[in-house]
N, C-alpha and C. Protein backbone atom coordinates (compact mmCIF):
# COMPACT_ATOMS: atom_id res chain seq x y z
N MET A 1 -10.81 34.60 -9.84
CA MET A 1 -11.74 34.78 -10.94
C MET A 1 -11.00 34.62 -12.27
N GLU A 2 -11.60 33.90 -13.20
CA GLU A 2 -11.00 33.69 -14.51
C GLU A 2 -11.82 34.40 -15.59
N ARG A 3 -11.11 34.84 -16.62
CA ARG A 3 -11.79 35.42 -17.77
C ARG A 3 -10.99 35.13 -19.03
N GLU A 4 -11.69 35.13 -20.16
CA GLU A 4 -11.05 34.92 -21.45
C GLU A 4 -10.46 36.25 -21.92
N VAL A 5 -9.23 36.19 -22.43
CA VAL A 5 -8.55 37.39 -22.87
C VAL A 5 -7.88 37.11 -24.21
N GLU A 6 -7.52 38.18 -24.91
CA GLU A 6 -6.74 38.06 -26.14
C GLU A 6 -5.34 38.55 -25.85
N VAL A 7 -4.37 37.64 -25.95
CA VAL A 7 -2.99 37.97 -25.59
C VAL A 7 -2.16 38.39 -26.81
N GLY A 8 -2.75 38.26 -27.99
CA GLY A 8 -2.09 38.65 -29.23
C GLY A 8 -3.07 38.46 -30.37
N PRO A 9 -2.72 38.90 -31.57
CA PRO A 9 -3.64 38.75 -32.70
C PRO A 9 -4.05 37.30 -32.93
N GLY A 10 -5.33 36.99 -32.68
CA GLY A 10 -5.83 35.64 -32.87
C GLY A 10 -5.43 34.63 -31.82
N LEU A 11 -4.83 35.10 -30.74
CA LEU A 11 -4.35 34.20 -29.68
C LEU A 11 -5.13 34.46 -28.40
N MET A 12 -5.90 33.47 -27.98
CA MET A 12 -6.74 33.61 -26.80
C MET A 12 -6.07 32.99 -25.58
N GLY A 13 -6.51 33.45 -24.42
CA GLY A 13 -5.97 32.91 -23.17
C GLY A 13 -7.01 32.93 -22.08
N THR A 14 -6.74 32.17 -21.03
CA THR A 14 -7.56 32.18 -19.82
C THR A 14 -6.72 32.79 -18.71
N TRP A 15 -7.20 33.91 -18.18
CA TRP A 15 -6.47 34.70 -17.20
C TRP A 15 -7.16 34.58 -15.86
N GLY A 16 -6.46 34.02 -14.88
CA GLY A 16 -7.03 33.82 -13.56
C GLY A 16 -6.22 34.55 -12.51
N VAL A 17 -6.90 35.39 -11.73
CA VAL A 17 -6.21 36.19 -10.72
C VAL A 17 -6.89 35.98 -9.37
N PRO A 18 -6.20 35.37 -8.41
CA PRO A 18 -6.78 35.17 -7.08
C PRO A 18 -6.75 36.48 -6.28
N PHE A 19 -7.38 36.47 -5.15
CA PHE A 19 -7.37 37.63 -4.26
C PHE A 19 -5.96 37.86 -3.75
N ARG A 20 -5.45 39.06 -3.88
CA ARG A 20 -4.12 39.44 -3.44
C ARG A 20 -3.05 38.47 -3.98
N PRO A 21 -2.86 38.43 -5.27
CA PRO A 21 -1.86 37.52 -5.85
C PRO A 21 -0.45 37.87 -5.40
N ARG A 22 0.39 36.82 -5.34
CA ARG A 22 1.78 37.00 -4.92
C ARG A 22 2.75 36.85 -6.08
N GLY A 23 2.28 36.33 -7.19
CA GLY A 23 3.12 36.11 -8.35
C GLY A 23 2.26 35.67 -9.52
N VAL A 24 2.90 35.45 -10.66
CA VAL A 24 2.21 35.09 -11.89
C VAL A 24 2.92 33.91 -12.53
N VAL A 25 2.14 32.97 -13.07
CA VAL A 25 2.72 31.85 -13.82
C VAL A 25 2.06 31.79 -15.19
N VAL A 26 2.89 31.85 -16.23
CA VAL A 26 2.43 31.78 -17.61
C VAL A 26 2.66 30.36 -18.12
N PHE A 27 1.61 29.75 -18.65
CA PHE A 27 1.69 28.36 -19.13
C PHE A 27 1.98 28.33 -20.63
N ALA A 28 2.89 27.44 -21.01
CA ALA A 28 3.21 27.20 -22.42
C ALA A 28 2.81 25.78 -22.77
N HIS A 29 1.82 25.64 -23.63
CA HIS A 29 1.33 24.32 -24.02
C HIS A 29 2.11 23.83 -25.24
N GLY A 30 1.97 22.55 -25.54
CA GLY A 30 2.67 22.02 -26.70
C GLY A 30 1.99 20.79 -27.24
N SER A 31 2.55 20.27 -28.32
CA SER A 31 2.09 19.02 -28.94
C SER A 31 0.59 18.98 -29.17
N GLY A 32 0.07 20.03 -29.79
CA GLY A 32 -1.34 20.05 -30.15
C GLY A 32 -2.29 20.42 -29.04
N SER A 33 -1.76 20.86 -27.89
CA SER A 33 -2.62 21.23 -26.76
C SER A 33 -3.00 22.70 -26.86
N SER A 34 -3.79 23.15 -25.86
CA SER A 34 -4.28 24.53 -25.86
C SER A 34 -4.57 24.97 -24.43
N ARG A 35 -5.14 26.16 -24.31
CA ARG A 35 -5.49 26.68 -22.98
C ARG A 35 -6.54 25.83 -22.30
N HIS A 36 -7.19 24.93 -23.02
CA HIS A 36 -8.22 24.07 -22.44
C HIS A 36 -7.66 22.76 -21.88
N SER A 37 -6.35 22.57 -21.94
CA SER A 37 -5.73 21.34 -21.44
C SER A 37 -6.19 21.04 -20.01
N PRO A 38 -6.86 19.91 -19.77
CA PRO A 38 -7.35 19.64 -18.41
C PRO A 38 -6.22 19.47 -17.40
N ARG A 39 -5.08 18.94 -17.84
CA ARG A 39 -3.98 18.75 -16.90
C ARG A 39 -3.36 20.09 -16.51
N ASN A 40 -3.13 20.95 -17.47
CA ASN A 40 -2.58 22.26 -17.12
C ASN A 40 -3.58 23.09 -16.33
N ARG A 41 -4.86 22.93 -16.62
CA ARG A 41 -5.87 23.67 -15.85
C ARG A 41 -5.88 23.19 -14.40
N GLN A 42 -5.65 21.91 -14.18
CA GLN A 42 -5.60 21.40 -12.81
C GLN A 42 -4.41 21.99 -12.06
N VAL A 43 -3.26 22.04 -12.72
CA VAL A 43 -2.09 22.64 -12.09
C VAL A 43 -2.33 24.13 -11.84
N ALA A 44 -2.94 24.81 -12.81
CA ALA A 44 -3.22 26.24 -12.66
C ALA A 44 -4.14 26.49 -11.47
N ALA A 45 -5.14 25.63 -11.28
CA ALA A 45 -6.05 25.80 -10.15
C ALA A 45 -5.31 25.69 -8.82
N ALA A 46 -4.36 24.75 -8.75
CA ALA A 46 -3.56 24.60 -7.53
C ALA A 46 -2.69 25.82 -7.29
N LEU A 47 -2.13 26.37 -8.35
CA LEU A 47 -1.30 27.57 -8.22
C LEU A 47 -2.14 28.77 -7.78
N GLN A 48 -3.36 28.88 -8.32
CA GLN A 48 -4.22 29.98 -7.89
C GLN A 48 -4.57 29.85 -6.41
N ASP A 49 -4.80 28.61 -5.96
CA ASP A 49 -5.08 28.39 -4.54
C ASP A 49 -3.91 28.83 -3.67
N ALA A 50 -2.70 28.76 -4.23
CA ALA A 50 -1.50 29.16 -3.50
C ALA A 50 -1.18 30.64 -3.66
N GLY A 51 -2.04 31.37 -4.41
CA GLY A 51 -1.86 32.81 -4.52
C GLY A 51 -1.20 33.30 -5.79
N PHE A 52 -1.10 32.44 -6.80
CA PHE A 52 -0.49 32.85 -8.06
C PHE A 52 -1.55 33.12 -9.12
N ALA A 53 -1.43 34.25 -9.81
CA ALA A 53 -2.24 34.46 -11.00
C ALA A 53 -1.70 33.54 -12.10
N THR A 54 -2.57 33.10 -12.99
CA THR A 54 -2.13 32.19 -14.05
C THR A 54 -2.66 32.66 -15.39
N LEU A 55 -1.85 32.44 -16.42
CA LEU A 55 -2.26 32.71 -17.79
C LEU A 55 -2.04 31.44 -18.61
N LEU A 56 -3.15 30.85 -19.05
CA LEU A 56 -3.08 29.71 -19.96
C LEU A 56 -3.40 30.25 -21.35
N ALA A 57 -2.37 30.42 -22.15
CA ALA A 57 -2.53 31.09 -23.44
C ALA A 57 -2.33 30.11 -24.58
N ASP A 58 -3.18 30.20 -25.59
CA ASP A 58 -2.95 29.45 -26.82
C ASP A 58 -1.71 30.01 -27.51
N LEU A 59 -0.85 29.12 -28.00
CA LEU A 59 0.35 29.55 -28.71
C LEU A 59 0.17 29.49 -30.22
N LEU A 60 -0.98 28.97 -30.66
CA LEU A 60 -1.31 28.93 -32.08
C LEU A 60 -2.67 29.60 -32.29
N THR A 61 -2.82 30.29 -33.40
CA THR A 61 -4.12 30.84 -33.76
C THR A 61 -5.04 29.69 -34.16
N ALA A 62 -6.33 29.96 -34.28
CA ALA A 62 -7.28 28.93 -34.69
C ALA A 62 -6.91 28.36 -36.06
N ARG A 63 -6.50 29.23 -36.98
CA ARG A 63 -6.12 28.75 -38.31
C ARG A 63 -4.86 27.89 -38.26
N GLU A 64 -3.86 28.33 -37.47
CA GLU A 64 -2.63 27.54 -37.34
C GLU A 64 -2.91 26.20 -36.69
N ASP A 65 -3.79 26.19 -35.70
CA ASP A 65 -4.12 24.95 -35.02
C ASP A 65 -4.82 23.98 -35.97
N ALA A 66 -5.71 24.48 -36.82
CA ALA A 66 -6.40 23.63 -37.78
C ALA A 66 -5.41 23.00 -38.75
N VAL A 67 -4.45 23.78 -39.20
CA VAL A 67 -3.42 23.25 -40.09
C VAL A 67 -2.56 22.22 -39.36
N ASP A 68 -2.19 22.54 -38.13
CA ASP A 68 -1.32 21.66 -37.36
C ASP A 68 -1.95 20.30 -37.10
N ARG A 69 -3.27 20.26 -36.91
CA ARG A 69 -3.93 19.00 -36.63
C ARG A 69 -3.86 18.05 -37.84
N VAL A 70 -3.63 18.61 -39.02
CA VAL A 70 -3.49 17.79 -40.23
C VAL A 70 -2.03 17.52 -40.54
N THR A 71 -1.21 18.57 -40.47
CA THR A 71 0.18 18.45 -40.92
C THR A 71 1.19 18.29 -39.78
N ARG A 72 0.80 18.67 -38.54
CA ARG A 72 1.68 18.65 -37.37
C ARG A 72 2.89 19.55 -37.57
N GLU A 73 2.77 20.57 -38.41
CA GLU A 73 3.92 21.38 -38.76
C GLU A 73 4.26 22.46 -37.74
N HIS A 74 3.31 22.83 -36.89
CA HIS A 74 3.56 23.91 -35.96
C HIS A 74 3.94 23.44 -34.57
N ARG A 75 3.55 22.24 -34.18
CA ARG A 75 3.75 21.81 -32.80
C ARG A 75 5.22 21.63 -32.44
N PHE A 76 6.08 21.46 -33.47
CA PHE A 76 7.51 21.36 -33.21
C PHE A 76 8.27 22.58 -33.74
N ASP A 77 7.54 23.65 -34.02
CA ASP A 77 8.17 24.90 -34.43
C ASP A 77 8.55 25.66 -33.15
N ILE A 78 9.66 25.26 -32.56
CA ILE A 78 10.04 25.78 -31.25
C ILE A 78 10.29 27.28 -31.27
N PRO A 79 10.95 27.86 -32.29
CA PRO A 79 11.09 29.32 -32.30
C PRO A 79 9.75 30.04 -32.29
N LEU A 80 8.77 29.52 -33.03
CA LEU A 80 7.44 30.13 -33.03
C LEU A 80 6.80 30.04 -31.65
N LEU A 81 6.82 28.85 -31.05
CA LEU A 81 6.21 28.67 -29.73
C LEU A 81 6.93 29.49 -28.68
N GLY A 82 8.25 29.56 -28.78
CA GLY A 82 9.01 30.36 -27.82
C GLY A 82 8.69 31.84 -27.94
N GLY A 83 8.60 32.32 -29.18
CA GLY A 83 8.26 33.73 -29.38
C GLY A 83 6.88 34.07 -28.86
N ARG A 84 5.93 33.16 -29.06
CA ARG A 84 4.57 33.39 -28.57
C ARG A 84 4.55 33.38 -27.03
N THR A 85 5.38 32.54 -26.42
CA THR A 85 5.43 32.52 -24.95
C THR A 85 6.04 33.81 -24.42
N VAL A 86 7.06 34.33 -25.09
CA VAL A 86 7.61 35.64 -24.73
C VAL A 86 6.51 36.70 -24.79
N ASP A 87 5.71 36.67 -25.85
CA ASP A 87 4.62 37.63 -25.98
C ASP A 87 3.62 37.49 -24.84
N ALA A 88 3.32 36.24 -24.44
CA ALA A 88 2.38 36.00 -23.35
C ALA A 88 2.93 36.54 -22.04
N VAL A 89 4.23 36.36 -21.81
CA VAL A 89 4.86 36.90 -20.59
C VAL A 89 4.75 38.42 -20.59
N ARG A 90 5.03 39.03 -21.72
CA ARG A 90 4.95 40.50 -21.79
C ARG A 90 3.52 40.98 -21.60
N TRP A 91 2.55 40.22 -22.09
CA TRP A 91 1.15 40.59 -21.88
C TRP A 91 0.83 40.57 -20.39
N ALA A 92 1.26 39.50 -19.72
CA ALA A 92 0.97 39.37 -18.29
C ALA A 92 1.61 40.51 -17.49
N VAL A 93 2.84 40.85 -17.84
CA VAL A 93 3.55 41.92 -17.13
C VAL A 93 2.78 43.24 -17.22
N ALA A 94 2.09 43.44 -18.32
CA ALA A 94 1.40 44.71 -18.55
C ALA A 94 0.06 44.83 -17.83
N GLN A 95 -0.39 43.77 -17.16
CA GLN A 95 -1.70 43.82 -16.50
C GLN A 95 -1.61 44.51 -15.15
N ARG A 96 -2.47 45.50 -14.96
CA ARG A 96 -2.41 46.34 -13.76
C ARG A 96 -2.56 45.53 -12.47
N GLU A 97 -3.44 44.51 -12.48
CA GLU A 97 -3.71 43.81 -11.22
C GLU A 97 -2.55 42.96 -10.72
N VAL A 98 -1.52 42.76 -11.57
CA VAL A 98 -0.35 42.01 -11.13
C VAL A 98 0.91 42.84 -11.30
N SER A 99 0.75 44.14 -11.40
CA SER A 99 1.89 45.03 -11.63
C SER A 99 2.99 44.83 -10.59
N GLY A 100 4.20 44.59 -11.08
CA GLY A 100 5.35 44.47 -10.19
C GLY A 100 5.54 43.10 -9.57
N LEU A 101 4.65 42.15 -9.84
CA LEU A 101 4.76 40.82 -9.24
C LEU A 101 5.75 39.95 -10.03
N PRO A 102 6.41 39.01 -9.35
CA PRO A 102 7.35 38.12 -10.04
C PRO A 102 6.61 37.15 -10.96
N ILE A 103 7.30 36.73 -12.02
CA ILE A 103 6.68 35.88 -13.05
C ILE A 103 7.49 34.62 -13.27
N GLY A 104 6.77 33.50 -13.40
CA GLY A 104 7.39 32.23 -13.77
C GLY A 104 6.71 31.66 -15.00
N THR A 105 7.34 30.65 -15.60
CA THR A 105 6.73 29.96 -16.73
C THR A 105 6.64 28.48 -16.43
N PHE A 106 5.58 27.87 -16.94
CA PHE A 106 5.33 26.43 -16.76
C PHE A 106 5.09 25.84 -18.14
N GLY A 107 5.91 24.86 -18.53
CA GLY A 107 5.77 24.28 -19.85
C GLY A 107 5.54 22.79 -19.81
N ALA A 108 4.69 22.30 -20.72
CA ALA A 108 4.45 20.87 -20.86
C ALA A 108 4.76 20.45 -22.28
N SER A 109 5.29 19.25 -22.44
CA SER A 109 5.65 18.73 -23.76
C SER A 109 6.58 19.71 -24.46
N THR A 110 6.31 20.05 -25.72
CA THR A 110 7.18 21.00 -26.42
C THR A 110 7.10 22.39 -25.80
N GLY A 111 6.05 22.65 -25.05
CA GLY A 111 5.93 23.93 -24.37
C GLY A 111 7.02 24.15 -23.33
N ALA A 112 7.67 23.08 -22.88
CA ALA A 112 8.77 23.24 -21.94
C ALA A 112 9.92 24.00 -22.59
N ALA A 113 10.21 23.68 -23.86
CA ALA A 113 11.25 24.41 -24.57
C ALA A 113 10.85 25.87 -24.74
N ALA A 114 9.57 26.11 -25.04
CA ALA A 114 9.08 27.48 -25.20
C ALA A 114 9.20 28.25 -23.89
N ALA A 115 8.89 27.60 -22.77
CA ALA A 115 9.00 28.25 -21.46
C ALA A 115 10.44 28.63 -21.15
N LEU A 116 11.37 27.78 -21.54
CA LEU A 116 12.79 28.07 -21.30
C LEU A 116 13.29 29.17 -22.23
N ILE A 117 12.81 29.19 -23.46
CA ILE A 117 13.18 30.26 -24.38
C ILE A 117 12.71 31.61 -23.83
N ALA A 118 11.49 31.64 -23.29
CA ALA A 118 10.99 32.89 -22.70
C ALA A 118 11.87 33.33 -21.54
N ALA A 119 12.31 32.37 -20.73
CA ALA A 119 13.19 32.70 -19.60
C ALA A 119 14.51 33.26 -20.09
N ALA A 120 15.05 32.69 -21.17
CA ALA A 120 16.32 33.16 -21.70
C ALA A 120 16.18 34.52 -22.36
N GLU A 121 15.06 34.74 -23.05
CA GLU A 121 14.86 36.00 -23.77
C GLU A 121 14.47 37.13 -22.84
N GLU A 122 13.86 36.80 -21.71
CA GLU A 122 13.41 37.83 -20.76
C GLU A 122 13.94 37.52 -19.36
N PRO A 123 15.27 37.53 -19.19
CA PRO A 123 15.84 37.18 -17.88
C PRO A 123 15.45 38.16 -16.78
N GLY A 124 15.09 39.38 -17.16
CA GLY A 124 14.67 40.34 -16.16
C GLY A 124 13.23 40.18 -15.73
N LEU A 125 12.48 39.34 -16.43
CA LEU A 125 11.06 39.13 -16.12
C LEU A 125 10.80 37.75 -15.54
N VAL A 126 11.33 36.71 -16.16
CA VAL A 126 11.02 35.34 -15.76
C VAL A 126 11.97 34.89 -14.66
N GLY A 127 11.39 34.60 -13.49
CA GLY A 127 12.21 34.27 -12.33
C GLY A 127 12.29 32.81 -11.99
N ALA A 128 11.49 31.95 -12.62
CA ALA A 128 11.52 30.51 -12.34
C ALA A 128 10.79 29.78 -13.46
N VAL A 129 11.19 28.53 -13.68
CA VAL A 129 10.60 27.70 -14.73
C VAL A 129 10.32 26.31 -14.18
N VAL A 130 9.17 25.75 -14.58
CA VAL A 130 8.85 24.35 -14.28
C VAL A 130 8.43 23.68 -15.58
N SER A 131 8.92 22.47 -15.78
CA SER A 131 8.56 21.65 -16.95
C SER A 131 7.87 20.38 -16.47
N ARG A 132 6.74 20.03 -17.11
CA ARG A 132 6.02 18.79 -16.78
C ARG A 132 6.02 17.87 -18.00
N GLY A 133 6.69 16.72 -17.88
CA GLY A 133 6.73 15.78 -18.99
C GLY A 133 7.18 16.46 -20.27
N GLY A 134 8.14 17.36 -20.13
CA GLY A 134 8.49 18.25 -21.22
C GLY A 134 9.65 17.79 -22.08
N ARG A 135 9.87 18.58 -23.13
CA ARG A 135 11.01 18.38 -24.02
C ARG A 135 11.93 19.60 -23.94
N PRO A 136 12.54 19.82 -22.78
CA PRO A 136 13.45 20.96 -22.66
C PRO A 136 14.64 20.85 -23.59
N ASP A 137 14.98 19.64 -24.01
CA ASP A 137 16.11 19.45 -24.92
C ASP A 137 15.90 20.20 -26.23
N LEU A 138 14.63 20.43 -26.61
CA LEU A 138 14.34 21.11 -27.87
C LEU A 138 14.70 22.60 -27.83
N ALA A 139 15.01 23.10 -26.64
CA ALA A 139 15.47 24.49 -26.55
C ALA A 139 16.90 24.63 -27.05
N GLY A 140 17.61 23.53 -27.18
CA GLY A 140 18.93 23.50 -27.81
C GLY A 140 19.93 24.46 -27.20
N ASP A 141 20.52 25.30 -28.06
CA ASP A 141 21.59 26.19 -27.62
C ASP A 141 21.11 27.31 -26.71
N VAL A 142 19.80 27.43 -26.55
CA VAL A 142 19.26 28.44 -25.62
C VAL A 142 19.50 28.02 -24.17
N LEU A 143 19.60 26.73 -23.91
CA LEU A 143 19.65 26.22 -22.54
C LEU A 143 20.74 26.86 -21.68
N PRO A 144 21.96 27.00 -22.16
CA PRO A 144 22.98 27.61 -21.29
C PRO A 144 22.72 29.07 -20.95
N ARG A 145 21.80 29.71 -21.69
CA ARG A 145 21.49 31.12 -21.44
C ARG A 145 20.41 31.32 -20.38
N VAL A 146 19.75 30.25 -19.97
CA VAL A 146 18.67 30.35 -18.98
C VAL A 146 19.27 30.64 -17.61
N ARG A 147 18.77 31.66 -16.97
CA ARG A 147 19.24 32.02 -15.62
C ARG A 147 18.20 31.71 -14.55
N ALA A 148 16.97 31.53 -14.93
CA ALA A 148 15.90 31.28 -13.95
C ALA A 148 16.02 29.87 -13.39
N PRO A 149 15.90 29.69 -12.08
CA PRO A 149 15.90 28.34 -11.51
C PRO A 149 14.85 27.46 -12.19
N THR A 150 15.26 26.25 -12.58
CA THR A 150 14.43 25.40 -13.43
C THR A 150 14.23 24.02 -12.81
N LEU A 151 12.97 23.61 -12.72
CA LEU A 151 12.60 22.29 -12.20
C LEU A 151 12.02 21.47 -13.34
N LEU A 152 12.61 20.29 -13.59
CA LEU A 152 12.14 19.38 -14.62
C LEU A 152 11.44 18.20 -13.95
N LEU A 153 10.15 18.02 -14.24
CA LEU A 153 9.35 16.94 -13.67
C LEU A 153 9.04 15.92 -14.76
N VAL A 154 9.37 14.66 -14.50
CA VAL A 154 9.18 13.60 -15.48
C VAL A 154 8.60 12.38 -14.78
N GLY A 155 7.70 11.68 -15.48
CA GLY A 155 7.14 10.46 -14.93
C GLY A 155 8.16 9.33 -14.85
N GLY A 156 8.07 8.55 -13.80
CA GLY A 156 9.03 7.48 -13.59
C GLY A 156 9.01 6.40 -14.66
N PHE A 157 7.89 6.25 -15.38
CA PHE A 157 7.79 5.25 -16.44
C PHE A 157 8.05 5.85 -17.83
N ASP A 158 8.40 7.12 -17.87
CA ASP A 158 8.59 7.82 -19.15
C ASP A 158 10.07 7.79 -19.52
N ASP A 159 10.58 6.59 -19.81
CA ASP A 159 12.03 6.36 -19.92
C ASP A 159 12.71 7.26 -20.95
N GLN A 160 12.15 7.36 -22.14
CA GLN A 160 12.79 8.16 -23.18
C GLN A 160 12.85 9.63 -22.80
N VAL A 161 11.76 10.14 -22.24
CA VAL A 161 11.73 11.55 -21.86
C VAL A 161 12.65 11.81 -20.67
N ILE A 162 12.82 10.84 -19.79
CA ILE A 162 13.78 10.98 -18.69
C ILE A 162 15.17 11.24 -19.26
N GLN A 163 15.57 10.46 -20.25
CA GLN A 163 16.89 10.62 -20.84
C GLN A 163 17.04 11.98 -21.51
N LEU A 164 16.01 12.41 -22.21
CA LEU A 164 16.05 13.72 -22.87
C LEU A 164 16.14 14.85 -21.85
N ASN A 165 15.46 14.69 -20.73
CA ASN A 165 15.54 15.70 -19.67
C ASN A 165 16.92 15.70 -19.02
N ARG A 166 17.52 14.54 -18.88
CA ARG A 166 18.88 14.50 -18.32
C ARG A 166 19.87 15.21 -19.25
N MET A 167 19.68 15.05 -20.54
CA MET A 167 20.52 15.75 -21.50
C MET A 167 20.37 17.26 -21.36
N ALA A 168 19.11 17.71 -21.23
CA ALA A 168 18.86 19.14 -21.07
C ALA A 168 19.43 19.65 -19.75
N LEU A 169 19.26 18.87 -18.69
CA LEU A 169 19.75 19.26 -17.37
C LEU A 169 21.25 19.52 -17.42
N ALA A 170 21.97 18.69 -18.16
CA ALA A 170 23.43 18.84 -18.24
C ALA A 170 23.83 20.14 -18.93
N ARG A 171 22.98 20.68 -19.77
CA ARG A 171 23.30 21.90 -20.51
C ARG A 171 22.85 23.16 -19.77
N LEU A 172 21.95 23.02 -18.81
CA LEU A 172 21.52 24.16 -18.03
C LEU A 172 22.61 24.56 -17.04
N THR A 173 22.85 25.85 -16.92
CA THR A 173 23.87 26.34 -15.99
C THR A 173 23.27 27.10 -14.82
N CYS A 174 21.94 27.18 -14.78
CA CYS A 174 21.24 27.87 -13.70
C CYS A 174 21.02 26.91 -12.53
N GLU A 175 20.38 27.42 -11.47
CA GLU A 175 19.89 26.53 -10.41
C GLU A 175 18.92 25.57 -11.07
N LYS A 176 19.07 24.26 -10.83
CA LYS A 176 18.29 23.29 -11.59
C LYS A 176 18.06 22.02 -10.79
N LYS A 177 16.97 21.31 -11.15
CA LYS A 177 16.70 20.03 -10.51
C LYS A 177 15.82 19.19 -11.42
N LEU A 178 16.14 17.91 -11.51
CA LEU A 178 15.30 16.94 -12.20
C LEU A 178 14.63 16.08 -11.13
N PHE A 179 13.30 16.05 -11.14
CA PHE A 179 12.55 15.23 -10.19
C PHE A 179 11.72 14.22 -10.96
N ILE A 180 11.94 12.95 -10.67
CA ILE A 180 11.21 11.87 -11.33
C ILE A 180 10.04 11.45 -10.43
N VAL A 181 8.83 11.61 -10.94
CA VAL A 181 7.62 11.32 -10.16
C VAL A 181 7.34 9.82 -10.23
N PRO A 182 7.45 9.10 -9.13
CA PRO A 182 7.25 7.65 -9.15
C PRO A 182 5.86 7.26 -9.63
N GLY A 183 5.79 6.19 -10.42
CA GLY A 183 4.51 5.64 -10.83
C GLY A 183 3.78 6.40 -11.91
N ALA A 184 4.41 7.41 -12.50
CA ALA A 184 3.74 8.25 -13.49
C ALA A 184 4.22 7.92 -14.90
N THR A 185 3.31 7.92 -15.84
CA THR A 185 3.66 7.82 -17.25
C THR A 185 3.72 9.24 -17.83
N HIS A 186 3.81 9.36 -19.14
CA HIS A 186 4.09 10.66 -19.76
C HIS A 186 3.02 11.71 -19.45
N LEU A 187 1.76 11.33 -19.41
CA LEU A 187 0.69 12.30 -19.21
C LEU A 187 0.25 12.44 -17.76
N PHE A 188 0.90 11.74 -16.84
CA PHE A 188 0.58 11.83 -15.42
C PHE A 188 -0.90 11.55 -15.18
N GLU A 189 -1.39 10.49 -15.78
CA GLU A 189 -2.80 10.12 -15.65
C GLU A 189 -3.06 9.22 -14.44
N GLU A 190 -2.02 8.69 -13.83
CA GLU A 190 -2.18 7.78 -12.71
C GLU A 190 -2.63 8.53 -11.45
N PRO A 191 -3.43 7.90 -10.60
CA PRO A 191 -3.96 8.58 -9.42
C PRO A 191 -2.85 9.21 -8.57
N GLY A 192 -3.06 10.46 -8.26
CA GLY A 192 -2.15 11.17 -7.37
C GLY A 192 -0.92 11.79 -8.02
N THR A 193 -0.62 11.40 -9.27
CA THR A 193 0.63 11.88 -9.86
C THR A 193 0.54 13.34 -10.30
N LEU A 194 -0.58 13.75 -10.84
CA LEU A 194 -0.70 15.16 -11.24
C LEU A 194 -0.80 16.06 -10.01
N GLU A 195 -1.39 15.54 -8.93
CA GLU A 195 -1.41 16.30 -7.68
C GLU A 195 0.02 16.50 -7.17
N ARG A 196 0.86 15.48 -7.36
CA ARG A 196 2.27 15.60 -6.96
C ARG A 196 2.96 16.67 -7.80
N VAL A 197 2.67 16.70 -9.10
CA VAL A 197 3.22 17.74 -9.96
C VAL A 197 2.79 19.12 -9.46
N SER A 198 1.52 19.26 -9.13
CA SER A 198 1.01 20.55 -8.65
C SER A 198 1.73 20.98 -7.38
N ASP A 199 1.93 20.04 -6.47
CA ASP A 199 2.60 20.36 -5.21
C ASP A 199 4.05 20.80 -5.45
N LEU A 200 4.75 20.06 -6.31
CA LEU A 200 6.15 20.37 -6.57
C LEU A 200 6.30 21.69 -7.32
N ALA A 201 5.42 21.92 -8.29
CA ALA A 201 5.47 23.18 -9.03
C ALA A 201 5.18 24.36 -8.10
N THR A 202 4.17 24.21 -7.27
CA THR A 202 3.82 25.29 -6.34
C THR A 202 4.99 25.59 -5.41
N ALA A 203 5.61 24.54 -4.88
CA ALA A 203 6.75 24.73 -3.97
C ALA A 203 7.90 25.43 -4.67
N TRP A 204 8.15 25.08 -5.93
CA TRP A 204 9.26 25.69 -6.69
C TRP A 204 9.00 27.18 -6.91
N PHE A 205 7.79 27.50 -7.33
CA PHE A 205 7.47 28.90 -7.57
C PHE A 205 7.45 29.70 -6.26
N GLN A 206 6.97 29.09 -5.20
CA GLN A 206 6.98 29.77 -3.91
C GLN A 206 8.42 30.07 -3.48
N ARG A 207 9.28 29.11 -3.71
CA ARG A 207 10.68 29.26 -3.29
C ARG A 207 11.40 30.34 -4.08
N TRP A 208 11.25 30.29 -5.40
CA TRP A 208 12.08 31.14 -6.25
C TRP A 208 11.41 32.43 -6.70
N LEU A 209 10.10 32.50 -6.62
CA LEU A 209 9.43 33.75 -7.00
C LEU A 209 9.12 34.64 -5.81
N VAL A 210 8.66 34.04 -4.72
CA VAL A 210 8.27 34.87 -3.58
C VAL A 210 9.16 34.66 -2.36
N GLY A 211 10.17 33.79 -2.50
CA GLY A 211 11.15 33.65 -1.43
C GLY A 211 10.66 32.94 -0.20
N ALA A 212 9.65 32.10 -0.33
CA ALA A 212 9.17 31.35 0.83
C ALA A 212 10.23 30.35 1.27
N MET A 213 10.46 30.28 2.55
CA MET A 213 11.47 29.36 3.07
C MET A 213 10.86 27.96 3.24
N ILE A 214 10.89 27.20 2.17
CA ILE A 214 10.35 25.84 2.19
C ILE A 214 11.42 24.89 1.69
N PRO A 215 11.34 23.61 2.08
CA PRO A 215 12.37 22.65 1.64
C PRO A 215 12.35 22.48 0.13
N GLU A 216 13.52 22.30 -0.44
CA GLU A 216 13.61 21.98 -1.86
C GLU A 216 13.04 20.59 -2.08
N PRO A 217 12.30 20.34 -3.18
CA PRO A 217 11.77 19.00 -3.43
C PRO A 217 12.86 17.95 -3.37
N ALA A 218 12.59 16.90 -2.61
CA ALA A 218 13.58 15.84 -2.44
C ALA A 218 13.33 14.70 -3.40
N ALA A 219 14.38 14.02 -3.78
CA ALA A 219 14.24 12.85 -4.66
C ALA A 219 13.58 11.72 -3.89
N PRO A 220 12.79 10.86 -4.59
CA PRO A 220 12.13 9.75 -3.90
C PRO A 220 13.15 8.72 -3.43
């Protein structure tokens, strides 16, 4: 069941909790996106089917979003987005229906850096991270501080972002993997590619959050 919630002053979210959840995944959006992102909602639905509660939270207030659509000044404000993701993680931790459950973060675009910042700032809370077509490189000097196992998913045709993810991968010192999804461009709009992202993300969170004995995603 999903419901709209307020995760902070002026910050709305969509909170979905399946029957007997096994873990929680907090989504960090970026580059002008929001909790209504159809791609993140599709991944969230797959995670809920696998037993994970999900929080798709706006990282900008309505006023900030209106300004950003004109000036683009907030979408690359990584400290702001990272701090808001930390707040979203803390909100999720405080919910009674998921009390004591392990938490992961999922970031897309600039939200990938925010998801990693949350992992670095809350190492006792965030147990795994997944990035989809993300800019983890924007987390900068935070990257070596991340302890949560991190999976970077990039489309096979997204050449520039592949290189940026390889740069970030080299700076991460945690358990880590870069998986290039064949046939996918930056937004994973090609048939079957977003489903592949959902499968890989679910497997990663199952492995590192709930300890399911499943194979690590293999390279194509």
